[in-house]
Amino acid sequence: MADIMKIKWLDAPDEHDYPAAASYLTLLFEPAAVEDYIGKLKQAPITFFKLKDIFRASGLSILGIRNSHVKRKKKRFLRGSDYRACFL
């Protein structure tokens, strides 16, 4: 049986994570709002989610778009024959 990789999550974000978040947020919001959001992020408690839930929320495929199953479901979805394909 394969070894299971354990992920060690950090207890707190690295300081460089906030400028990275601000960079992304400036694509969506005005600079003043971004400053406010970053201030709130710095004060917010850490929250943990399962990876599969993060992928679902992001709209990204866990398997990847090049996976043959994903390609097949995407084709069926685009033809209108499989509405479930968008919930991979």
C-alpha atoms as a PDB file:
ATOM      1  CA  MET A   1       0.000   0.000   0.000  1.00  0.00           C
ATOM      2  CA  ALA A   2       1.258   3.485  -0.823  1.00  0.00           C
ATOM      3  CA  ASP A   3       2.313   5.809   1.949  1.00  0.00           C
ATOM      4  CA  ILE A   4      -0.212   8.508   2.712  1.00  0.00           C
ATOM      5  CA  MET A   5       1.248  11.985   2.483  1.00  0.00           C
ATOM      6  CA  LYS A   6       0.440  14.131   5.476  1.00  0.00           C
ATOM      7  CA  ILE A   7       0.046  17.832   4.875  1.00  0.00           C
ATOM      8  CA  LYS A   8       1.272  20.150   7.600  1.00  0.00           C
ATOM      9  CA  TRP A   9      -0.810  23.299   7.443  1.00  0.00           C
ATOM     10  CA  LEU A  10       0.704  26.460   8.849  1.00  0.00           C
ATOM     11  CA  ASP A  11      -0.747  27.894  12.035  1.00  0.00           C
ATOM     12  CA  ALA A  12      -0.761  31.373  10.490  1.00  0.00           C
ATOM     13  CA  PRO A  13      -0.371  32.872   7.015  1.00  0.00           C
ATOM     14  CA  ASP A  14       3.094  34.006   5.947  1.00  0.00           C
ATOM     15  CA  GLU A  15       3.482  37.777   5.792  1.00  0.00           C
ATOM     16  CA  HIS A  16       3.967  37.610   1.998  1.00  0.00           C
ATOM     17  CA  ASP A  17       0.494  36.064   1.634  1.00  0.00           C
ATOM     18  CA  TYR A  18      -1.213  39.396   2.294  1.00  0.00           C
ATOM     19  CA  PRO A  19       0.385  41.332  -0.593  1.00  0.00           C
ATOM     20  CA  ALA A  20      -0.379  38.351  -2.831  1.00  0.00           C
ATOM     21  CA  ALA A  21      -4.024  38.435  -1.736  1.00  0.00           C
ATOM     22  CA  ALA A  22      -4.123  42.198  -2.244  1.00  0.00           C
ATOM     23  CA  SER A  23      -2.721  41.810  -5.753  1.00  0.00           C
ATOM     24  CA  TYR A  24      -5.528  39.422  -6.667  1.00  0.00           C
ATOM     25  CA  LEU A  25      -8.218  41.470  -4.942  1.00  0.00           C
ATOM     26  CA  THR A  26      -7.226  44.617  -6.875  1.00  0.00           C
ATOM     27  CA  LEU A  27      -8.453  42.830  -9.985  1.00  0.00           C
ATOM     28  CA  LEU A  28     -11.926  42.717  -8.443  1.00  0.00           C
ATOM     29  CA  PHE A  29     -12.245  45.720  -6.117  1.00  0.00           C
ATOM     30  CA  GLU A  30     -11.223  49.357  -5.688  1.00  0.00           C
ATOM     31  CA  PRO A  31      -7.923  49.948  -3.814  1.00  0.00           C
ATOM     32  CA  ALA A  32      -9.665  51.360  -0.717  1.00  0.00           C
ATOM     33  CA  ALA A  33     -11.849  48.267  -0.446  1.00  0.00           C
ATOM     34  CA  VAL A  34      -8.796  46.023  -0.874  1.00  0.00           C
ATOM     35  CA  GLU A  35      -7.033  47.772   2.021  1.00  0.00           C
ATOM     36  CA  ASP A  36     -10.101  47.226   4.173  1.00  0.00           C
ATOM     37  CA  TYR A  37     -10.335  43.536   3.203  1.00  0.00           C
ATOM     38  CA  ILE A  38      -6.640  42.913   3.886  1.00  0.00           C
ATOM     39  CA  GLY A  39      -6.993  44.536   7.311  1.00  0.00           C
ATOM     40  CA  LYS A  40      -9.912  42.240   8.060  1.00  0.00           C
ATOM     41  CA  LEU A  41      -8.009  39.201   6.778  1.00  0.00           C
ATOM     42  CA  LYS A  42      -5.131  39.952   9.132  1.00  0.00           C
ATOM     43  CA  GLN A  43      -7.543  39.945  12.083  1.00  0.00           C
ATOM     44  CA  ALA A  44      -9.644  36.955  11.005  1.00  0.00           C
ATOM     45  CA  PRO A  45      -9.184  33.532  12.583  1.00  0.00           C
ATOM     46  CA  ILE A  46      -7.710  30.727  10.484  1.00  0.00           C
ATOM     47  CA  THR A  47     -10.349  28.500   8.895  1.00  0.00           C
ATOM     48  CA  PHE A  48      -9.682  25.056   7.431  1.00  0.00           C
ATOM     49  CA  PHE A  49     -11.545  23.410   4.547  1.00  0.00           C
ATOM     50  CA  LYS A  50     -11.211  20.095   2.776  1.00  0.00           C
ATOM     51  CA  LEU A  51      -9.275  20.387  -0.468  1.00  0.00           C
ATOM     52  CA  LYS A  52     -12.182  18.979  -2.480  1.00  0.00           C
ATOM     53  CA  ASP A  53     -14.411  21.779  -1.170  1.00  0.00           C
ATOM     54  CA  ILE A  54     -11.856  24.430  -2.138  1.00  0.00           C
ATOM     55  CA  PHE A  55     -11.689  22.986  -5.653  1.00  0.00           C
ATOM     56  CA  ARG A  56     -15.482  22.946  -5.907  1.00  0.00           C
ATOM     57  CA  ALA A  57     -15.730  26.555  -4.790  1.00  0.00           C
ATOM     58  CA  SER A  58     -13.004  27.612  -7.217  1.00  0.00           C
ATOM     59  CA  GLY A  59     -14.693  25.958 -10.167  1.00  0.00           C
ATOM     60  CA  LEU A  60     -11.496  24.053 -10.970  1.00  0.00           C
ATOM     61  CA  SER A  61     -11.483  20.370 -11.768  1.00  0.00           C
ATOM     62  CA  ILE A  62      -9.742  18.144  -9.238  1.00  0.00           C
ATOM     63  CA  LEU A  63      -8.729  15.787 -12.034  1.00  0.00           C
ATOM     64  CA  GLY A  64      -7.579  18.466 -14.448  1.00  0.00           C
ATOM     65  CA  ILE A  65      -8.960  19.433 -17.831  1.00  0.00           C
ATOM     66  CA  ARG A  66      -6.600  17.062 -19.676  1.00  0.00           C
ATOM     67  CA  ASN A  67      -7.954  14.017 -17.874  1.00  0.00           C
ATOM     68  CA  SER A  68      -9.878  11.822 -20.337  1.00  0.00           C
ATOM     69  CA  HIS A  69     -12.909  11.561 -18.033  1.00  0.00           C
ATOM     70  CA  VAL A  70     -13.053  15.333 -17.668  1.00  0.00           C
ATOM     71  CA  LYS A  71     -12.746  15.819 -21.446  1.00  0.00           C
ATOM     72  CA  ARG A  72     -15.560  13.342 -22.093  1.00  0.00           C
ATOM     73  CA  LYS A  73     -17.864  14.954 -19.527  1.00  0.00           C
ATOM     74  CA  LYS A  74     -17.066  18.432 -20.859  1.00  0.00           C
ATOM     75  CA  LYS A  75     -18.026  17.348 -24.399  1.00  0.00           C
ATOM     76  CA  ARG A  76     -21.293  15.834 -23.128  1.00  0.00           C
ATOM     77  CA  PHE A  77     -22.027  18.975 -21.146  1.00  0.00           C
ATOM     78  CA  LEU A  78     -21.386  21.260 -24.133  1.00  0.00           C
ATOM     79  CA  ARG A  79     -23.707  19.096 -26.258  1.00  0.00           C
ATOM     80  CA  GLY A  80     -26.351  19.549 -23.575  1.00  0.00           C
ATOM     81  CA  SER A  81     -26.602  15.850 -22.776  1.00  0.00           C
ATOM     82  CA  ASP A  82     -25.019  15.929 -19.318  1.00  0.00           C
ATOM     83  CA  TYR A  83     -25.814  18.802 -16.992  1.00  0.00           C
ATOM     84  CA  ARG A  84     -23.899  17.086 -14.156  1.00  0.00           C
ATOM     85  CA  ALA A  85     -20.547  17.525 -15.930  1.00  0.00           C
ATOM     86  CA  CYS A  86     -20.129  20.958 -14.387  1.00  0.00           C
ATOM     87  CA  PHE A  87     -20.097  19.440 -10.884  1.00  0.00           C
ATOM     88  CA  LEU A  88     -16.896  17.376 -11.178  1.00  0.00           C
END
